[in-house]
């Protein structure tokens, strides 16, 4: 009989939005003492990234507008086209979201969502994204960004290949992903059973990650 645990979502990666990848890598080096690794471009989405392994099949994604691509048909993911987000990341990179891995992704779970096939170099995956501009504004709001985006890699609950597998150990590890929300119970539903994910009550939504690095303990938010 298949394991129920295998069907649960798992923490896949953290998303740090930045003005440019050069800004992001410089910021990461200053914070952690470790450089990120070139990722690639997301064709049709107007973004590109750099990555850093922070655990077993868990990585940190630094994502920015790709100046070599045309403006996509809908807003870029993770609020990169939102004026407020752009103003914040002009100052420094920001932890804006997190993504959870699921065994399969065949149908939307909520209105305003669609399942998209994406690629980056040799990697392919399916991901739940906003269907239009109005949905994107809602999806990347402060409250909604505490609800993870779902992603499915080829191979089901335990994919044979995962981007983190191709990354060398970085010396950086995720200690805790902290979510603060006015209604913690609503946030906890649907989250992975992962001791690193900590949900607390607070007046305003907030997201932060504690990292152990060669430079010691660091918080990114």
Protein backbone atom coordinates (compact mmCIF):
# COMPACT_ATOMS: atom_id res chain seq x y z
CA UNK A 1 0.00 0.00 0.00
CA UNK A 2 1.48 3.40 -0.96
CA UNK A 3 2.67 5.59 1.90
CA UNK A 4 0.34 8.46 2.83
CA UNK A 5 3.41 10.48 3.79
CA UNK A 6 4.68 10.31 0.20
CA UNK A 7 1.60 12.26 -0.96
CA UNK A 8 2.12 15.17 1.44
CA UNK A 9 3.59 18.43 0.11
CA UNK A 10 7.27 19.04 0.80
CA UNK A 11 9.18 22.30 1.07
CA UNK A 12 10.92 22.77 -2.29
CA UNK A 13 12.47 26.23 -2.41
CA UNK A 14 12.44 29.77 -1.05
CA UNK A 15 12.00 32.72 -3.41
CA UNK A 16 14.06 35.90 -3.03
CA UNK A 17 13.06 38.72 -5.39
CA UNK A 18 15.79 41.12 -6.45
CA UNK A 19 16.36 44.07 -8.76
CA UNK A 20 19.15 42.28 -10.65
CA UNK A 21 20.96 38.98 -10.23
CA UNK A 22 24.21 40.87 -9.72
CA UNK A 23 22.65 42.73 -6.78
CA UNK A 24 21.31 39.45 -5.39
CA UNK A 25 24.58 37.54 -5.56
CA UNK A 26 26.49 40.42 -3.96
CA UNK A 27 23.90 40.61 -1.15
CA UNK A 28 24.04 36.84 -0.61
CA UNK A 29 27.85 36.84 -0.42
CA UNK A 30 27.76 39.65 2.17
CA UNK A 31 25.11 37.89 4.26
CA UNK A 32 26.32 34.30 4.12
CA UNK A 33 29.88 34.31 2.80
CA UNK A 34 28.78 32.04 -0.05
CA UNK A 35 28.17 32.78 -3.74
CA UNK A 36 25.08 31.59 -5.59
CA UNK A 37 25.20 29.46 -8.74
CA UNK A 38 23.93 30.55 -12.15
CA UNK A 39 20.51 29.06 -12.83
CA UNK A 40 19.03 30.16 -16.12
CA UNK A 41 16.21 31.91 -17.92
CA UNK A 42 12.48 31.15 -17.79
CA UNK A 43 11.34 31.56 -21.42
CA UNK A 44 8.07 33.43 -21.79
CA UNK A 45 7.98 34.51 -18.15
CA UNK A 46 10.46 37.37 -18.37
CA UNK A 47 12.63 36.18 -15.48
CA UNK A 48 15.95 34.49 -14.78
CA UNK A 49 17.57 33.19 -11.60
CA UNK A 50 20.52 32.08 -9.51
CA UNK A 51 20.29 29.29 -6.93
CA UNK A 52 21.87 27.99 -3.73
CA UNK A 53 21.40 24.63 -2.03
CA UNK A 54 20.14 25.02 1.56
CA UNK A 55 19.17 21.43 2.38
CA UNK A 56 18.27 18.04 0.95
CA UNK A 57 16.13 18.85 -2.09
CA UNK A 58 15.67 22.40 -0.81
CA UNK A 59 17.20 25.46 -2.41
CA UNK A 60 17.15 29.25 -2.37
CA UNK A 61 16.11 30.94 -5.61
CA UNK A 62 17.24 34.48 -6.42
CA UNK A 63 14.91 35.73 -9.15
CA UNK A 64 14.87 38.95 -11.16
CA UNK A 65 13.50 40.48 -14.35
CA UNK A 66 15.43 39.11 -17.33
CA UNK A 67 16.31 42.15 -19.50
CA UNK A 68 16.92 39.90 -22.51
CA UNK A 69 13.24 38.88 -22.67
CA UNK A 70 10.22 40.82 -23.85
CA UNK A 71 7.45 41.82 -21.45
CA UNK A 72 5.39 38.65 -20.81
CA UNK A 73 1.66 38.46 -21.51
CA UNK A 74 0.78 38.45 -17.79
CA UNK A 75 2.68 39.95 -14.84
CA UNK A 76 5.92 38.23 -13.95
CA UNK A 77 5.71 35.80 -11.01
CA UNK A 78 6.23 36.64 -7.36
CA UNK A 79 5.21 40.30 -7.71
CA UNK A 80 8.24 41.37 -9.76
CA UNK A 81 6.09 43.80 -11.76
CA UNK A 82 4.36 45.30 -8.71
CA UNK A 83 5.56 48.90 -8.09
CA UNK A 84 5.67 48.38 -4.31
CA UNK A 85 7.78 45.22 -4.66
CA UNK A 86 10.06 46.94 -7.16
CA UNK A 87 10.64 49.82 -4.74
CA UNK A 88 11.46 47.42 -1.90
CA UNK A 89 13.87 45.25 -3.90
CA UNK A 90 15.63 48.31 -5.28
CA UNK A 91 16.99 48.72 -1.75
CA UNK A 92 17.91 45.06 -1.22
CA UNK A 93 16.69 41.57 -2.14
CA UNK A 94 13.60 40.36 -0.25
CA UNK A 95 12.27 36.95 0.72
CA UNK A 96 8.84 37.09 -0.91
CA UNK A 97 7.52 33.56 -1.16
CA UNK A 98 8.10 29.80 -0.89
CA UNK A 99 7.22 26.85 -3.09
CA UNK A 100 6.11 23.36 -2.04
CA UNK A 101 6.58 20.17 -4.02
CA UNK A 102 3.56 17.91 -4.64
CA UNK A 103 3.38 14.48 -6.30
CA UNK A 104 1.28 15.65 -9.26
CA UNK A 105 -0.25 18.88 -10.49
CA UNK A 106 -3.08 18.36 -12.93
CA UNK A 107 -5.83 20.80 -11.93
CA UNK A 108 -6.15 24.22 -10.25
CA UNK A 109 -7.18 24.29 -6.59
CA UNK A 110 -8.61 27.81 -6.53
CA UNK A 111 -10.25 30.38 -8.82
CA UNK A 112 -7.76 32.55 -10.69
CA UNK A 113 -5.18 29.76 -10.89
CA UNK A 114 -3.87 27.75 -13.82
CA UNK A 115 -1.34 24.97 -14.19
CA UNK A 116 1.64 25.94 -16.34
CA UNK A 117 4.41 23.84 -17.86
CA UNK A 118 7.76 25.60 -17.45
CA UNK A 119 11.37 25.03 -18.42
CA UNK A 120 14.83 26.28 -17.43
CA UNK A 121 17.63 24.70 -19.41
CA UNK A 122 17.31 20.93 -19.02
CA UNK A 123 14.76 21.22 -16.19
CA UNK A 124 11.02 20.91 -16.74
CA UNK A 125 8.19 21.18 -14.24
CA UNK A 126 4.54 22.09 -13.70
CA UNK A 127 3.53 24.94 -11.42
CA UNK A 128 0.31 26.61 -10.24
CA UNK A 129 0.34 30.27 -11.33
CA UNK A 130 -2.17 33.15 -11.50
CA UNK A 131 -4.36 33.08 -14.60
CA UNK A 132 -4.41 36.85 -15.25
CA UNK A 133 -3.20 40.22 -13.99
CA UNK A 134 -5.98 40.62 -11.41
CA UNK A 135 -5.28 37.16 -9.99
CA UNK A 136 -1.56 37.90 -9.87
CA UNK A 137 -2.12 41.05 -7.77
CA UNK A 138 -4.15 38.97 -5.31
CA UNK A 139 -1.78 36.00 -5.34
CA UNK A 140 1.31 37.98 -4.43
CA UNK A 141 -0.33 40.15 -1.75
CA UNK A 142 1.22 40.14 1.73
CA UNK A 143 -1.40 37.75 3.10
CA UNK A 144 -1.50 35.34 0.16
CA UNK A 145 2.26 34.99 -0.16
CA UNK A 146 2.16 32.97 3.08
CA UNK A 147 0.32 30.26 1.14
CA UNK A 148 2.86 28.26 -0.86
CA UNK A 149 2.85 27.90 -4.60
CA UNK A 150 2.61 24.25 -5.66
CA UNK A 151 5.17 22.69 -8.00
CA UNK A 152 5.52 19.18 -9.46
CA UNK A 153 8.74 17.78 -10.88
CA UNK A 154 8.73 14.77 -13.24
CA UNK A 155 8.74 11.54 -11.28
CA UNK A 156 6.00 12.15 -8.72
CA UNK A 157 6.38 12.51 -4.95
CA UNK A 158 10.04 11.43 -5.01
CA UNK A 159 11.37 12.71 -8.34
CA UNK A 160 14.44 10.98 -9.68
CA UNK A 161 16.03 14.34 -10.51
CA UNK A 162 15.70 17.59 -8.61
CA UNK A 163 17.60 20.90 -9.10
CA UNK A 164 19.07 20.74 -5.59
CA UNK A 165 20.64 17.37 -6.41
CA UNK A 166 22.78 19.06 -9.06
CA UNK A 167 24.06 21.70 -6.63
CA UNK A 168 27.15 21.24 -4.49
CA UNK A 169 26.79 21.54 -0.72
CA UNK A 170 26.99 25.26 0.03
CA UNK A 171 27.65 25.34 3.76
CA UNK A 172 24.31 27.15 4.14
CA UNK A 173 21.35 25.33 5.67
CA UNK A 174 17.77 26.34 6.40
CA UNK A 175 17.07 26.32 10.13
CA UNK A 176 13.54 27.71 10.08
CA UNK A 177 11.02 29.26 7.74
CA UNK A 178 8.90 31.53 9.93
CA UNK A 179 5.39 32.60 8.88
CA UNK A 180 3.49 35.20 10.88
CA UNK A 181 -0.24 35.63 10.27
CA UNK A 182 -3.32 37.03 12.04
CA UNK A 183 -4.95 33.57 11.69
CA UNK A 184 -2.22 30.91 12.02
CA UNK A 185 -4.71 28.07 11.72
CA UNK A 186 -5.73 29.12 8.22
CA UNK A 187 -2.09 29.24 7.14
CA UNK A 188 -1.14 25.88 8.65
CA UNK A 189 -3.68 23.97 6.58
CA UNK A 190 -1.93 22.63 3.50
CA UNK A 191 1.63 23.23 4.74
CA UNK A 192 4.17 20.40 4.71
CA UNK A 193 4.79 18.44 7.89
CA UNK A 194 8.26 19.95 8.24
CA UNK A 195 9.83 20.94 11.57
CA UNK A 196 11.61 23.81 9.82
CA UNK A 197 8.30 25.56 9.10
CA UNK A 198 7.11 27.59 12.10
CA UNK A 199 3.80 29.47 12.10
CA UNK A 200 3.04 32.18 14.68
CA UNK A 201 0.29 34.72 15.33
CA UNK A 202 0.90 38.37 14.55
CA UNK A 203 -1.07 41.46 13.56
CA UNK A 204 0.60 41.73 10.15
CA UNK A 205 1.63 38.96 7.71
CA UNK A 206 5.39 38.39 7.62
CA UNK A 207 7.83 35.88 6.19
CA UNK A 208 11.40 35.20 7.27
CA UNK A 209 14.01 32.46 7.02
CA UNK A 210 16.74 31.62 9.49
CA UNK A 211 19.93 30.26 7.91
CA UNK A 212 23.07 28.71 9.32
CA UNK A 213 25.96 29.98 7.21
CA UNK A 214 29.76 30.18 7.21
CA UNK A 215 29.19 33.70 8.58
CA UNK A 216 27.03 32.36 11.41
CA UNK A 217 23.28 32.65 11.98
CA UNK A 218 21.53 34.91 9.49
CA UNK A 219 17.93 36.03 8.99
CA UNK A 220 16.59 36.90 5.55
CA UNK A 221 13.23 38.58 5.10
